[in-house]
Amino acid sequence: MNDLDELLGRLARAPAPPALEHMEERVLARLKSAPMARSGAGLGLVTAIAALIMGMAGGVPAAATGASSLAPLGPQQPLAPSSLLFGTP
């Protein structure tokens, strides 16, 4: 472990390579010169309409069904492990 600490210490004390001196300016210049892809208002409008339709479809109540016999806190729990292993009490 001491070898690793010594190697990392030497690396920290070493001067930075000259190629890294103006890297930030070069990266920012390339970002400014690269054309940016724009999706336009059409894609945003389609996305908003799709979200609206999905919200309206999710708000429609489902068809009424009968009461479930699987009440989680009721006295009858047919799928409880004790009922499955030992039978219904």
N, C-alpha and C. Protein backbone atom coordinates (compact mmCIF):
# COMPACT_ATOMS: atom_id res chain seq x y z
N MET A 1 0.83 -1.19 0.00
CA MET A 1 0.00 0.00 0.00
C MET A 1 0.87 1.25 0.00
N ASN A 2 2.02 1.17 0.62
CA ASN A 2 2.92 2.33 0.65
C ASN A 2 3.44 2.66 -0.72
N ASP A 3 3.63 1.65 -1.57
CA ASP A 3 4.09 1.91 -2.94
C ASP A 3 3.05 2.73 -3.70
N LEU A 4 1.80 2.40 -3.51
CA LEU A 4 0.73 3.13 -4.19
C LEU A 4 0.69 4.57 -3.69
N ASP A 5 0.81 4.78 -2.39
CA ASP A 5 0.81 6.13 -1.84
C ASP A 5 1.99 6.93 -2.38
N GLU A 6 3.14 6.29 -2.47
CA GLU A 6 4.32 6.98 -2.99
C GLU A 6 4.15 7.34 -4.46
N LEU A 7 3.60 6.42 -5.25
CA LEU A 7 3.37 6.70 -6.67
C LEU A 7 2.36 7.83 -6.86
N LEU A 8 1.31 7.82 -6.08
CA LEU A 8 0.31 8.89 -6.20
C LEU A 8 0.88 10.23 -5.75
N GLY A 9 1.74 10.22 -4.76
CA GLY A 9 2.38 11.45 -4.32
C GLY A 9 3.29 12.02 -5.40
N ARG A 10 4.05 11.15 -6.07
CA ARG A 10 4.91 11.62 -7.16
C ARG A 10 4.08 12.17 -8.31
N LEU A 11 2.97 11.52 -8.58
CA LEU A 11 2.09 12.00 -9.65
C LEU A 11 1.50 13.36 -9.32
N ALA A 12 1.16 13.57 -8.06
CA ALA A 12 0.60 14.86 -7.64
C ALA A 12 1.64 15.97 -7.72
N ARG A 13 2.90 15.65 -7.46
CA ARG A 13 3.96 16.67 -7.49
C ARG A 13 4.47 16.93 -8.91
N ALA A 14 4.19 16.06 -9.85
CA ALA A 14 4.69 16.20 -11.22
C ALA A 14 3.97 17.36 -11.91
N PRO A 15 4.67 18.06 -12.78
CA PRO A 15 4.00 19.16 -13.51
C PRO A 15 3.00 18.60 -14.53
N ALA A 16 2.01 19.40 -14.82
CA ALA A 16 0.98 18.99 -15.79
C ALA A 16 1.58 18.96 -17.19
N PRO A 17 1.15 18.04 -18.03
CA PRO A 17 1.66 17.99 -19.41
C PRO A 17 1.29 19.27 -20.16
N PRO A 18 2.17 19.73 -21.05
CA PRO A 18 1.88 20.97 -21.77
C PRO A 18 0.65 20.89 -22.66
N ALA A 19 0.24 19.70 -23.07
CA ALA A 19 -0.94 19.56 -23.94
C ALA A 19 -2.22 19.92 -23.20
N LEU A 20 -2.20 19.91 -21.87
CA LEU A 20 -3.40 20.22 -21.10
C LEU A 20 -3.56 21.70 -20.78
N GLU A 21 -2.56 22.52 -21.14
CA GLU A 21 -2.57 23.93 -20.73
C GLU A 21 -3.79 24.69 -21.24
N HIS A 22 -4.09 24.60 -22.51
CA HIS A 22 -5.18 25.39 -23.09
C HIS A 22 -6.32 24.50 -23.55
N MET A 23 -6.52 23.39 -22.88
CA MET A 23 -7.54 22.45 -23.30
C MET A 23 -8.95 23.04 -23.16
N GLU A 24 -9.19 23.77 -22.09
CA GLU A 24 -10.52 24.33 -21.87
C GLU A 24 -10.92 25.27 -23.00
N GLU A 25 -10.00 26.13 -23.41
CA GLU A 25 -10.32 27.06 -24.50
C GLU A 25 -10.59 26.31 -25.80
N ARG A 26 -9.81 25.25 -26.06
CA ARG A 26 -10.01 24.48 -27.28
C ARG A 26 -11.37 23.77 -27.28
N VAL A 27 -11.74 23.21 -26.13
CA VAL A 27 -13.03 22.51 -26.04
C VAL A 27 -14.18 23.49 -26.23
N LEU A 28 -14.11 24.64 -25.56
CA LEU A 28 -15.19 25.63 -25.69
C LEU A 28 -15.28 26.17 -27.11
N ALA A 29 -14.14 26.36 -27.78
CA ALA A 29 -14.16 26.83 -29.16
C ALA A 29 -14.81 25.81 -30.08
N ARG A 30 -14.52 24.52 -29.86
CA ARG A 30 -15.15 23.49 -30.68
C ARG A 30 -16.65 23.39 -30.41
N LEU A 31 -17.05 23.59 -29.16
CA LEU A 31 -18.49 23.55 -28.85
C LEU A 31 -19.22 24.71 -29.51
N LYS A 32 -18.60 25.86 -29.53
CA LYS A 32 -19.24 27.03 -30.15
C LYS A 32 -19.34 26.88 -31.67
N SER A 33 -18.34 26.22 -32.27
CA SER A 33 -18.34 26.10 -33.73
C SER A 33 -19.22 24.96 -34.23
N ALA A 34 -19.55 24.00 -33.39
CA ALA A 34 -20.37 22.86 -33.81
C ALA A 34 -21.82 23.29 -33.94
N PRO A 35 -22.49 22.91 -35.02
CA PRO A 35 -23.92 23.25 -35.15
C PRO A 35 -24.75 22.44 -34.16
N MET A 36 -25.73 23.09 -33.57
CA MET A 36 -26.58 22.43 -32.59
C MET A 36 -27.83 21.91 -33.29
N ALA A 37 -28.20 20.69 -32.97
CA ALA A 37 -29.41 20.10 -33.53
C ALA A 37 -30.62 20.63 -32.77
N ARG A 38 -31.56 21.13 -33.49
CA ARG A 38 -32.78 21.66 -32.86
C ARG A 38 -33.97 20.86 -33.37
N SER A 39 -34.84 20.48 -32.44
CA SER A 39 -35.99 19.67 -32.83
C SER A 39 -37.15 20.53 -33.31
N GLY A 40 -37.19 21.79 -32.97
CA GLY A 40 -38.25 22.66 -33.41
C GLY A 40 -39.48 22.56 -32.54
N ALA A 41 -40.45 23.38 -32.85
CA ALA A 41 -41.68 23.43 -32.06
C ALA A 41 -42.60 22.25 -32.37
N GLY A 42 -42.45 21.63 -33.52
CA GLY A 42 -43.32 20.53 -33.91
C GLY A 42 -43.22 19.34 -32.97
N LEU A 43 -42.01 18.98 -32.62
CA LEU A 43 -41.81 17.84 -31.73
C LEU A 43 -42.35 18.16 -30.33
N GLY A 44 -42.15 19.37 -29.87
CA GLY A 44 -42.68 19.76 -28.56
C GLY A 44 -44.21 19.74 -28.54
N LEU A 45 -44.81 20.18 -29.62
CA LEU A 45 -46.27 20.17 -29.71
C LEU A 45 -46.81 18.75 -29.72
N VAL A 46 -46.18 17.87 -30.48
CA VAL A 46 -46.62 16.47 -30.53
C VAL A 46 -46.46 15.83 -29.16
N THR A 47 -45.38 16.12 -28.48
CA THR A 47 -45.17 15.57 -27.14
C THR A 47 -46.22 16.06 -26.16
N ALA A 48 -46.55 17.34 -26.21
CA ALA A 48 -47.56 17.89 -25.31
C ALA A 48 -48.93 17.28 -25.59
N ILE A 49 -49.29 17.09 -26.85
CA ILE A 49 -50.58 16.50 -27.19
C ILE A 49 -50.63 15.04 -26.73
N ALA A 50 -49.52 14.31 -26.92
CA ALA A 50 -49.49 12.92 -26.48
C ALA A 50 -49.63 12.82 -24.97
N ALA A 51 -48.98 13.72 -24.23
CA ALA A 51 -49.10 13.71 -22.77
C ALA A 51 -50.52 14.04 -22.35
N LEU A 52 -51.18 14.97 -23.03
CA LEU A 52 -52.56 15.32 -22.72
C LEU A 52 -53.50 14.15 -22.97
N ILE A 53 -53.33 13.46 -24.07
CA ILE A 53 -54.18 12.30 -24.38
C ILE A 53 -53.96 11.19 -23.36
N MET A 54 -52.71 10.94 -22.99
CA MET A 54 -52.43 9.90 -22.00
C MET A 54 -53.03 10.27 -20.64
N GLY A 55 -52.98 11.54 -20.28
CA GLY A 55 -53.58 11.97 -19.02
C GLY A 55 -55.08 11.81 -19.03
N MET A 56 -55.71 12.14 -20.14
CA MET A 56 -57.16 12.00 -20.23
C MET A 56 -57.56 10.53 -20.21
N ALA A 57 -56.78 9.68 -20.88
CA ALA A 57 -57.10 8.25 -20.89
C ALA A 57 -56.90 7.64 -19.50
N GLY A 58 -55.93 8.12 -18.78
CA GLY A 58 -55.70 7.61 -17.43
C GLY A 58 -56.73 8.08 -16.43
N GLY A 59 -57.42 9.16 -16.75
CA GLY A 59 -58.43 9.69 -15.85
C GLY A 59 -59.80 9.06 -16.00
N VAL A 60 -60.00 8.27 -17.05
CA VAL A 60 -61.28 7.61 -17.27
C VAL A 60 -61.41 6.47 -16.26
N PRO A 61 -62.50 6.45 -15.50
CA PRO A 61 -62.63 5.37 -14.51
C PRO A 61 -62.82 4.02 -15.19
N ALA A 62 -62.26 3.00 -14.58
CA ALA A 62 -62.39 1.64 -15.11
C ALA A 62 -63.80 1.12 -14.83
N ALA A 63 -64.15 0.08 -15.53
CA ALA A 63 -65.47 -0.51 -15.33
C ALA A 63 -65.57 -1.04 -13.90
N ALA A 64 -66.74 -0.85 -13.31
CA ALA A 64 -66.94 -1.29 -11.92
C ALA A 64 -66.91 -2.81 -11.86
N THR A 65 -66.19 -3.32 -10.89
CA THR A 65 -66.12 -4.76 -10.69
C THR A 65 -66.63 -5.08 -9.30
N GLY A 66 -66.91 -6.33 -9.06
CA GLY A 66 -67.39 -6.76 -7.76
C GLY A 66 -66.31 -6.60 -6.70
N ALA A 67 -66.72 -6.62 -5.46
CA ALA A 67 -65.76 -6.48 -4.37
C ALA A 67 -64.82 -7.68 -4.35
N SER A 68 -63.59 -7.42 -4.10
CA SER A 68 -62.58 -8.47 -4.08
C SER A 68 -62.69 -9.26 -2.78
N SER A 69 -62.53 -10.57 -2.89
CA SER A 69 -62.55 -11.39 -1.69
C SER A 69 -61.19 -11.40 -1.00
N LEU A 70 -60.20 -10.77 -1.61
CA LEU A 70 -58.87 -10.72 -1.05
C LEU A 70 -58.66 -9.41 -0.30
N ALA A 71 -59.30 -9.24 0.81
CA ALA A 71 -59.13 -8.04 1.62
C ALA A 71 -57.84 -8.19 2.42
N PRO A 72 -56.92 -7.23 2.34
CA PRO A 72 -55.63 -7.40 2.99
C PRO A 72 -55.70 -7.40 4.52
N LEU A 73 -56.70 -6.74 5.08
CA LEU A 73 -56.80 -6.68 6.54
C LEU A 73 -58.05 -7.37 7.07
N GLY A 74 -58.75 -8.08 6.22
CA GLY A 74 -59.98 -8.75 6.65
C GLY A 74 -59.69 -10.07 7.35
N PRO A 75 -60.74 -10.66 7.95
CA PRO A 75 -60.54 -11.92 8.67
C PRO A 75 -60.27 -13.10 7.73
N GLN A 76 -60.81 -13.07 6.53
CA GLN A 76 -60.62 -14.15 5.57
C GLN A 76 -59.47 -13.79 4.65
N GLN A 77 -58.38 -14.51 4.73
CA GLN A 77 -57.23 -14.27 3.86
C GLN A 77 -56.84 -15.60 3.22
N PRO A 78 -57.45 -15.94 2.09
CA PRO A 78 -57.21 -17.26 1.50
C PRO A 78 -55.79 -17.45 0.95
N LEU A 79 -55.07 -16.36 0.70
CA LEU A 79 -53.72 -16.51 0.15
C LEU A 79 -52.64 -16.29 1.20
N ALA A 80 -53.01 -16.20 2.47
CA ALA A 80 -52.02 -16.07 3.53
C ALA A 80 -51.23 -17.36 3.65
N PRO A 81 -49.93 -17.27 3.96
CA PRO A 81 -49.16 -18.50 4.07
C PRO A 81 -49.73 -19.50 5.08
N SER A 82 -50.27 -19.02 6.18
CA SER A 82 -50.84 -19.95 7.16
C SER A 82 -52.05 -20.66 6.60
N SER A 83 -52.85 -19.97 5.79
CA SER A 83 -54.02 -20.61 5.19
C SER A 83 -53.59 -21.62 4.11
N LEU A 84 -52.57 -21.27 3.36
CA LEU A 84 -52.13 -22.15 2.30
C LEU A 84 -51.47 -23.40 2.85
N LEU A 85 -50.74 -23.28 3.97
CA LEU A 85 -50.04 -24.42 4.51
C LEU A 85 -50.94 -25.32 5.38
N PHE A 86 -51.80 -24.71 6.17
CA PHE A 86 -52.60 -25.48 7.14
C PHE A 86 -54.08 -25.58 6.79
N GLY A 87 -54.49 -24.97 5.72
CA GLY A 87 -55.91 -25.02 5.38
C GLY A 87 -56.63 -23.81 5.96
N THR A 88 -57.84 -23.60 5.53
CA THR A 88 -58.64 -22.47 6.01
C THR A 88 -59.10 -22.75 7.42
N PRO A 89 -58.95 -21.78 8.34
CA PRO A 89 -59.38 -22.01 9.73
C PRO A 89 -60.87 -22.10 9.89
